[in-house]
């Protein structure tokens, strides 16, 4: 079920948004839901990747929060040019797993 919410925006933004919606012949509510979701997902990903980069989250924690497989996560790191957050101790510990 969809729940209503209120957001305050500048007059200029509202005018630009309204003009664009009219020009593209879009449904205002549906368009706002789509861009809000898209923006949220992008912001969430950026924030989680930043925490990963700082070493605050592990690869698997980010994978779980973004619903990604480890392979997809590695692809995401590659496209965003983020280095794998692995140190020498991780490599040494991985040797004992095999």
Protein backbone atom coordinates (compact mmCIF):
# COMPACT_ATOMS: atom_id res chain seq x y z
CA UNK A 1 0.00 0.00 0.00
CA UNK A 2 1.32 3.42 -0.90
CA UNK A 3 1.52 6.02 1.86
CA UNK A 4 1.45 9.79 1.27
CA UNK A 5 4.35 11.99 2.32
CA UNK A 6 5.23 15.67 2.05
CA UNK A 7 8.48 17.24 0.86
CA UNK A 8 9.36 20.92 0.69
CA UNK A 9 11.12 22.04 -2.49
CA UNK A 10 12.11 25.40 -3.92
CA UNK A 11 9.76 27.26 -6.26
CA UNK A 12 12.28 26.99 -9.10
CA UNK A 13 12.64 23.23 -8.68
CA UNK A 14 8.86 22.79 -8.59
CA UNK A 15 8.45 24.92 -11.71
CA UNK A 16 11.18 23.01 -13.59
CA UNK A 17 9.69 19.72 -12.47
CA UNK A 18 6.16 20.69 -13.51
CA UNK A 19 7.34 21.91 -16.90
CA UNK A 20 9.28 18.72 -17.54
CA UNK A 21 6.34 16.54 -16.52
CA UNK A 22 4.04 18.44 -18.90
CA UNK A 23 6.56 18.34 -21.77
CA UNK A 24 7.06 14.59 -21.37
CA UNK A 25 3.34 13.93 -20.78
CA UNK A 26 4.04 12.02 -17.55
CA UNK A 27 1.88 11.16 -14.59
CA UNK A 28 3.20 13.41 -11.82
CA UNK A 29 2.74 11.01 -8.90
CA UNK A 30 4.17 8.01 -10.75
CA UNK A 31 7.14 10.02 -12.01
CA UNK A 32 7.92 11.35 -8.53
CA UNK A 33 7.72 7.83 -7.08
CA UNK A 34 10.12 6.56 -9.75
CA UNK A 35 12.74 9.26 -9.34
CA UNK A 36 12.50 9.15 -5.55
CA UNK A 37 13.13 5.39 -5.60
CA UNK A 38 15.94 5.73 -8.14
CA UNK A 39 17.58 8.52 -6.15
CA UNK A 40 17.25 6.59 -2.90
CA UNK A 41 18.80 3.46 -4.37
CA UNK A 42 21.72 5.43 -5.82
CA UNK A 43 22.32 7.34 -2.58
CA UNK A 44 22.09 4.15 -0.53
CA UNK A 45 24.66 2.48 -2.78
CA UNK A 46 27.04 5.44 -2.60
CA UNK A 47 26.84 5.61 1.19
CA UNK A 48 27.37 1.88 1.65
CA UNK A 49 30.30 1.87 -0.79
CA UNK A 50 31.81 4.77 1.11
CA UNK A 51 31.52 2.81 4.37
CA UNK A 52 33.10 -0.19 2.62
CA UNK A 53 35.92 2.01 1.32
CA UNK A 54 36.58 3.25 4.88
CA UNK A 55 36.63 -0.33 6.19
CA UNK A 56 33.47 0.18 8.25
CA UNK A 57 31.55 -2.54 6.37
CA UNK A 58 32.68 -5.84 4.92
CA UNK A 59 32.03 -6.95 1.37
CA UNK A 60 29.33 -9.37 2.54
CA UNK A 61 27.60 -6.73 4.64
CA UNK A 62 27.36 -4.46 1.61
CA UNK A 63 26.25 -7.37 -0.59
CA UNK A 64 23.45 -8.19 1.83
CA UNK A 65 22.29 -4.58 2.17
CA UNK A 66 22.30 -4.06 -1.62
CA UNK A 67 20.99 -7.56 -2.42
CA UNK A 68 24.01 -8.28 -4.63
CA UNK A 69 26.01 -11.43 -5.19
CA UNK A 70 29.75 -11.17 -4.46
CA UNK A 71 30.38 -11.35 -8.23
CA UNK A 72 28.03 -8.45 -8.90
CA UNK A 73 29.66 -6.53 -6.06
CA UNK A 74 33.09 -6.99 -7.61
CA UNK A 75 31.66 -5.74 -10.92
CA UNK A 76 30.24 -2.70 -9.15
CA UNK A 77 33.62 -1.96 -7.56
CA UNK A 78 35.27 -2.25 -10.97
CA UNK A 79 32.83 0.10 -12.72
CA UNK A 80 33.21 2.66 -9.93
CA UNK A 81 36.98 2.20 -9.79
CA UNK A 82 36.97 1.23 -6.13
CA UNK A 83 39.74 -1.04 -4.91
CA UNK A 84 38.94 -4.26 -3.12
CA UNK A 85 39.18 -3.64 0.62
CA UNK A 86 41.44 -6.55 1.53
CA UNK A 87 44.54 -6.44 3.70
CA UNK A 88 47.38 -8.90 4.31
CA UNK A 89 45.63 -10.54 7.27
CA UNK A 90 42.62 -11.35 5.07
CA UNK A 91 44.88 -13.09 2.54
CA UNK A 92 46.68 -15.03 5.26
CA UNK A 93 43.36 -16.09 6.85
CA UNK A 94 42.05 -17.22 3.45
CA UNK A 95 45.01 -19.60 3.10
CA UNK A 96 43.85 -21.52 6.18
CA UNK A 97 40.36 -21.98 4.69
CA UNK A 98 41.60 -24.06 1.75
